Amino acid sequence: MSLFKRKSPEEKEAARIEKMRRTEGERGFGGALMTPVGDLALADIVIVRLDPEQQLLTVNCQKRQFAIPYGALRRMTVSSEAEIAKGESAITAQEMQDLLDGDAGQFVGPMDKNATYRARWFIRIEYQDEYNLDKSIMLIAYSMRGFYMATSKLFAAGQFEENFADILTRFA
């Protein structure tokens, strides 16, 4: 008989998921919109949050808000500009180039496939609208000082991504 009660891997995973669900409402990250959505315009600095009570992902900019029901969410991708430019991301280089050739290029600038030391990070959230059409929101990750430039993804976006994956499994 053991003095210490050891948890099985299944029990550890269940405890991790339960903790993640308890803190779901605290998850969020900041970014600048590269695709206008709802009342929100291009280059608006937004906060993306999860609202577990109303079962919504919300994108907020000052008093304006765009909400997506959890059941409509499909996928979230967080990629560096180097991953996108080298074709190592679900966000394609052509898709990003189309955005940069449009109005988003005014505030983002060109991509750099050699930007591995300090890269910008892009986030795409895919969902279905009320007409069951596939849509997506593209953001560039922001920190307190502007574009998030680093070798690894923004910690808050990583935490958000975990919760997002859990939501997808619950609503699949």
C-alpha atoms as a PDB file:
ATOM      1  CA  MET A   1       0.000   0.000   0.000  1.00  0.00           C
ATOM      2  CA  SER A   2       1.319   3.400  -0.964  1.00  0.00           C
ATOM      3  CA  LEU A   3       1.449   6.386   1.366  1.00  0.00           C
ATOM      4  CA  PHE A   4       0.805   8.762  -1.506  1.00  0.00           C
ATOM      5  CA  LYS A   5      -2.240   8.505  -3.702  1.00  0.00           C
ATOM      6  CA  ARG A   6      -1.016   8.751  -7.261  1.00  0.00           C
ATOM      7  CA  LYS A   7      -3.337   9.902  -9.999  1.00  0.00           C
ATOM      8  CA  SER A   8      -3.594   7.982 -13.211  1.00  0.00           C
ATOM      9  CA  PRO A   9      -2.866   9.819 -16.478  1.00  0.00           C
ATOM     10  CA  GLU A  10      -6.612   9.869 -17.165  1.00  0.00           C
ATOM     11  CA  GLU A  11      -7.318  11.479 -13.782  1.00  0.00           C
ATOM     12  CA  LYS A  12      -4.586  14.070 -14.373  1.00  0.00           C
ATOM     13  CA  GLU A  13      -6.035  14.947 -17.805  1.00  0.00           C
ATOM     14  CA  ALA A  14      -9.555  15.196 -16.365  1.00  0.00           C
ATOM     15  CA  ALA A  15      -8.292  17.546 -13.625  1.00  0.00           C
ATOM     16  CA  ARG A  16      -6.465  19.691 -16.209  1.00  0.00           C
ATOM     17  CA  ILE A  17      -9.586  19.989 -18.366  1.00  0.00           C
ATOM     18  CA  GLU A  18     -11.764  20.824 -15.354  1.00  0.00           C
ATOM     19  CA  LYS A  19      -9.336  23.595 -14.318  1.00  0.00           C
ATOM     20  CA  MET A  20      -9.306  24.897 -17.896  1.00  0.00           C
ATOM     21  CA  ARG A  21     -13.123  25.026 -17.940  1.00  0.00           C
ATOM     22  CA  ARG A  22     -13.240  26.864 -14.598  1.00  0.00           C
ATOM     23  CA  THR A  23     -10.888  29.547 -15.922  1.00  0.00           C
ATOM     24  CA  GLU A  24     -12.376  29.733 -19.445  1.00  0.00           C
ATOM     25  CA  GLY A  25     -13.943  33.147 -18.839  1.00  0.00           C
ATOM     26  CA  GLU A  26     -10.543  34.586 -17.910  1.00  0.00           C
ATOM     27  CA  ARG A  27      -8.975  33.745 -21.281  1.00  0.00           C
ATOM     28  CA  GLY A  28      -8.385  36.418 -23.880  1.00  0.00           C
ATOM     29  CA  PHE A  29      -5.783  38.136 -26.024  1.00  0.00           C
ATOM     30  CA  GLY A  30      -5.326  41.385 -27.912  1.00  0.00           C
ATOM     31  CA  GLY A  31      -4.904  41.947 -31.613  1.00  0.00           C
ATOM     32  CA  ALA A  32      -5.475  44.258 -34.540  1.00  0.00           C
ATOM     33  CA  LEU A  33      -8.132  43.227 -37.045  1.00  0.00           C
ATOM     34  CA  MET A  34      -6.889  42.469 -40.543  1.00  0.00           C
ATOM     35  CA  THR A  35     -10.416  41.646 -41.734  1.00  0.00           C
ATOM     36  CA  PRO A  36     -13.364  43.893 -40.810  1.00  0.00           C
ATOM     37  CA  VAL A  37     -16.217  42.047 -39.112  1.00  0.00           C
ATOM     38  CA  GLY A  38     -19.625  43.299 -37.964  1.00  0.00           C
ATOM     39  CA  ASP A  39     -19.308  46.878 -36.678  1.00  0.00           C
ATOM     40  CA  LEU A  40     -15.544  46.458 -36.232  1.00  0.00           C
ATOM     41  CA  ALA A  41     -13.253  48.021 -38.826  1.00  0.00           C
ATOM     42  CA  LEU A  42      -9.865  47.187 -40.280  1.00  0.00           C
ATOM     43  CA  ALA A  43      -6.975  47.888 -37.881  1.00  0.00           C
ATOM     44  CA  ASP A  44      -9.244  48.182 -34.811  1.00  0.00           C
ATOM     45  CA  ILE A  45      -7.371  47.071 -31.715  1.00  0.00           C
ATOM     46  CA  VAL A  46      -9.585  44.401 -30.169  1.00  0.00           C
ATOM     47  CA  ILE A  47      -9.746  42.034 -27.226  1.00  0.00           C
ATOM     48  CA  VAL A  48     -10.900  38.496 -28.042  1.00  0.00           C
ATOM     49  CA  ARG A  49     -12.509  36.750 -25.061  1.00  0.00           C
ATOM     50  CA  LEU A  50     -14.479  33.655 -24.179  1.00  0.00           C
ATOM     51  CA  ASP A  51     -17.809  34.071 -22.382  1.00  0.00           C
ATOM     52  CA  PRO A  52     -18.716  30.660 -20.899  1.00  0.00           C
ATOM     53  CA  GLU A  53     -21.982  31.879 -19.351  1.00  0.00           C
ATOM     54  CA  GLN A  54     -23.431  33.030 -22.688  1.00  0.00           C
ATOM     55  CA  GLN A  55     -21.441  30.443 -24.699  1.00  0.00           C
ATOM     56  CA  LEU A  56     -19.915  33.135 -26.943  1.00  0.00           C
ATOM     57  CA  LEU A  57     -16.533  34.146 -28.300  1.00  0.00           C
ATOM     58  CA  THR A  58     -16.553  37.947 -28.256  1.00  0.00           C
ATOM     59  CA  VAL A  59     -14.402  40.411 -30.171  1.00  0.00           C
ATOM     60  CA  ASN A  60     -14.524  43.810 -28.415  1.00  0.00           C
ATOM     61  CA  CYS A  61     -13.296  47.248 -29.424  1.00  0.00           C
ATOM     62  CA  GLN A  62     -14.307  49.971 -26.999  1.00  0.00           C
ATOM     63  CA  LYS A  63     -18.142  49.815 -26.927  1.00  0.00           C
ATOM     64  CA  ARG A  64     -18.492  47.822 -30.155  1.00  0.00           C
ATOM     65  CA  GLN A  65     -18.678  44.045 -30.088  1.00  0.00           C
ATOM     66  CA  PHE A  66     -18.939  41.079 -32.441  1.00  0.00           C
ATOM     67  CA  ALA A  67     -19.965  37.705 -30.984  1.00  0.00           C
ATOM     68  CA  ILE A  68     -19.760  34.158 -32.311  1.00  0.00           C
ATOM     69  CA  PRO A  69     -21.675  31.324 -30.594  1.00  0.00           C
ATOM     70  CA  TYR A  70     -19.471  28.454 -29.407  1.00  0.00           C
ATOM     71  CA  GLY A  71     -21.392  26.054 -31.675  1.00  0.00           C
ATOM     72  CA  ALA A  72     -20.403  28.082 -34.780  1.00  0.00           C
ATOM     73  CA  LEU A  73     -16.640  27.962 -34.090  1.00  0.00           C
ATOM     74  CA  ARG A  74     -14.624  25.726 -36.418  1.00  0.00           C
ATOM     75  CA  ARG A  75     -10.870  26.301 -36.035  1.00  0.00           C
ATOM     76  CA  MET A  76      -8.180  28.600 -34.673  1.00  0.00           C
ATOM     77  CA  THR A  77      -4.695  28.925 -36.149  1.00  0.00           C
ATOM     78  CA  VAL A  78      -1.784  30.839 -34.598  1.00  0.00           C
ATOM     79  CA  SER A  79       1.222  31.193 -36.926  1.00  0.00           C
ATOM     80  CA  SER A  80       4.353  33.302 -37.234  1.00  0.00           C
ATOM     81  CA  GLU A  81       5.076  35.218 -40.420  1.00  0.00           C
ATOM     82  CA  ALA A  82       8.015  32.868 -41.122  1.00  0.00           C
ATOM     83  CA  GLU A  83       5.763  29.777 -40.863  1.00  0.00           C
ATOM     84  CA  ILE A  84       3.247  31.373 -43.231  1.00  0.00           C
ATOM     85  CA  ALA A  85       5.865  32.511 -45.760  1.00  0.00           C
ATOM     86  CA  LYS A  86       7.525  29.066 -45.793  1.00  0.00           C
ATOM     87  CA  GLY A  87       4.196  27.233 -46.225  1.00  0.00           C
ATOM     88  CA  GLU A  88       4.348  25.590 -42.768  1.00  0.00           C
ATOM     89  CA  SER A  89       1.003  26.973 -41.604  1.00  0.00           C
ATOM     90  CA  ALA A  90      -2.713  26.406 -42.210  1.00  0.00           C
ATOM     91  CA  ILE A  91      -2.761  30.117 -43.104  1.00  0.00           C
ATOM     92  CA  THR A  92      -1.469  30.107 -46.670  1.00  0.00           C
ATOM     93  CA  ALA A  93       1.065  32.572 -48.004  1.00  0.00           C
ATOM     94  CA  GLN A  94      -1.354  33.440 -50.832  1.00  0.00           C
ATOM     95  CA  GLU A  95      -4.170  34.167 -48.369  1.00  0.00           C
ATOM     96  CA  MET A  96      -1.858  36.407 -46.354  1.00  0.00           C
ATOM     97  CA  GLN A  97      -0.507  38.109 -49.474  1.00  0.00           C
ATOM     98  CA  ASP A  98      -4.080  38.874 -50.603  1.00  0.00           C
ATOM     99  CA  LEU A  99      -4.728  40.545 -47.233  1.00  0.00           C
ATOM    100  CA  LEU A 100      -1.462  42.490 -47.399  1.00  0.00           C
ATOM    101  CA  ASP A 101      -2.123  43.597 -50.983  1.00  0.00           C
ATOM    102  CA  GLY A 102      -5.434  44.994 -49.745  1.00  0.00           C
ATOM    103  CA  ASP A 103      -6.035  47.563 -47.043  1.00  0.00           C
ATOM    104  CA  ALA A 104      -4.335  45.485 -44.309  1.00  0.00           C
ATOM    105  CA  GLY A 105      -0.941  46.058 -45.961  1.00  0.00           C
ATOM    106  CA  GLN A 106      -1.084  49.717 -44.880  1.00  0.00           C
ATOM    107  CA  PHE A 107      -0.560  48.887 -41.236  1.00  0.00           C
ATOM    108  CA  VAL A 108       1.092  45.459 -41.354  1.00  0.00           C
ATOM    109  CA  GLY A 109       3.719  45.802 -44.087  1.00  0.00           C
ATOM    110  CA  PRO A 110       5.361  43.012 -46.108  1.00  0.00           C
ATOM    111  CA  MET A 111       6.002  39.480 -44.820  1.00  0.00           C
ATOM    112  CA  ASP A 112       9.520  38.261 -44.066  1.00  0.00           C
ATOM    113  CA  LYS A 113      10.164  34.516 -44.371  1.00  0.00           C
ATOM    114  CA  ASN A 114      13.539  34.991 -42.671  1.00  0.00           C
ATOM    115  CA  ALA A 115      11.979  36.585 -39.582  1.00  0.00           C
ATOM    116  CA  THR A 116      12.684  33.725 -37.202  1.00  0.00           C
ATOM    117  CA  TYR A 117      14.305  35.579 -34.314  1.00  0.00           C
ATOM    118  CA  ARG A 118      11.571  38.185 -33.846  1.00  0.00           C
ATOM    119  CA  ALA A 119       8.501  37.351 -35.916  1.00  0.00           C
ATOM    120  CA  ARG A 120       5.020  38.823 -35.962  1.00  0.00           C
ATOM    121  CA  TRP A 121       2.215  36.403 -35.069  1.00  0.00           C
ATOM    122  CA  PHE A 122      -1.080  36.078 -36.927  1.00  0.00           C
ATOM    123  CA  ILE A 123      -4.284  34.483 -35.662  1.00  0.00           C
ATOM    124  CA  ARG A 124      -7.168  33.190 -37.765  1.00  0.00           C
ATOM    125  CA  ILE A 125     -10.479  32.177 -36.198  1.00  0.00           C
ATOM    126  CA  GLU A 126     -12.792  30.258 -38.505  1.00  0.00           C
ATOM    127  CA  TYR A 127     -16.547  30.037 -37.882  1.00  0.00           C
ATOM    128  CA  GLN A 128     -19.897  29.651 -39.614  1.00  0.00           C
ATOM    129  CA  ASP A 129     -22.222  32.635 -39.809  1.00  0.00           C
ATOM    130  CA  GLU A 130     -26.000  32.561 -39.322  1.00  0.00           C
ATOM    131  CA  TYR A 131     -26.414  31.465 -42.986  1.00  0.00           C
ATOM    132  CA  ASN A 132     -23.985  28.504 -42.493  1.00  0.00           C
ATOM    133  CA  LEU A 133     -21.344  30.168 -44.667  1.00  0.00           C
ATOM    134  CA  ASP A 134     -17.694  29.635 -43.716  1.00  0.00           C
ATOM    135  CA  LYS A 135     -16.124  32.884 -42.498  1.00  0.00           C
ATOM    136  CA  SER A 136     -12.918  33.832 -40.754  1.00  0.00           C
ATOM    137  CA  ILE A 137     -11.444  36.653 -38.734  1.00  0.00           C
ATOM    138  CA  MET A 138      -7.743  37.422 -39.157  1.00  0.00           C
ATOM    139  CA  LEU A 139      -5.792  39.314 -36.501  1.00  0.00           C
ATOM    140  CA  ILE A 140      -2.219  40.269 -35.865  1.00  0.00           C
ATOM    141  CA  ALA A 141      -1.320  39.601 -32.219  1.00  0.00           C
ATOM    142  CA  TYR A 142      -0.720  42.671 -30.088  1.00  0.00           C
ATOM    143  CA  SER A 143       1.128  43.196 -26.852  1.00  0.00           C
ATOM    144  CA  MET A 144       1.114  46.349 -24.717  1.00  0.00           C
ATOM    145  CA  ARG A 145       3.678  47.973 -27.043  1.00  0.00           C
ATOM    146  CA  GLY A 146       2.196  47.125 -30.439  1.00  0.00           C
ATOM    147  CA  PHE A 147       2.752  44.136 -32.733  1.00  0.00           C
ATOM    148  CA  TYR A 148       3.795  41.048 -30.796  1.00  0.00           C
ATOM    149  CA  MET A 149       7.295  40.257 -32.037  1.00  0.00           C
ATOM    150  CA  ALA A 150       8.913  37.136 -30.604  1.00  0.00           C
ATOM    151  CA  THR A 151      10.221  33.652 -31.324  1.00  0.00           C
ATOM    152  CA  SER A 152       7.202  31.958 -29.696  1.00  0.00           C
ATOM    153  CA  LYS A 153       3.491  32.673 -29.734  1.00  0.00           C
ATOM    154  CA  LEU A 154       1.903  35.043 -27.251  1.00  0.00           C
ATOM    155  CA  PHE A 155       1.297  33.158 -23.983  1.00  0.00           C
ATOM    156  CA  ALA A 156      -2.287  34.437 -23.765  1.00  0.00           C
ATOM    157  CA  ALA A 157      -3.010  33.247 -27.333  1.00  0.00           C
ATOM    158  CA  GLY A 158      -1.582  29.825 -26.459  1.00  0.00           C
ATOM    159  CA  GLN A 159      -3.820  29.552 -23.383  1.00  0.00           C
ATOM    160  CA  PHE A 160      -6.786  30.768 -25.432  1.00  0.00           C
ATOM    161  CA  GLU A 161      -6.000  28.174 -28.113  1.00  0.00           C
ATOM    162  CA  GLU A 162      -6.189  25.362 -25.510  1.00  0.00           C
ATOM    163  CA  ASN A 163      -9.602  26.529 -24.324  1.00  0.00           C
ATOM    164  CA  PHE A 164     -10.721  26.950 -27.942  1.00  0.00           C
ATOM    165  CA  ALA A 165      -9.784  23.310 -28.683  1.00  0.00           C
ATOM    166  CA  ASP A 166     -11.732  22.175 -25.611  1.00  0.00           C
ATOM    167  CA  ILE A 167     -14.786  24.138 -26.792  1.00  0.00           C
ATOM    168  CA  LEU A 168     -14.551  22.515 -30.228  1.00  0.00           C
ATOM    169  CA  THR A 169     -14.590  19.035 -28.661  1.00  0.00           C
ATOM    170  CA  ARG A 170     -17.604  19.941 -26.509  1.00  0.00           C
ATOM    171  CA  PHE A 171     -19.595  21.389 -29.421  1.00  0.00           C
ATOM    172  CA  ALA A 172     -18.549  18.946 -32.173  1.00  0.00           C
END
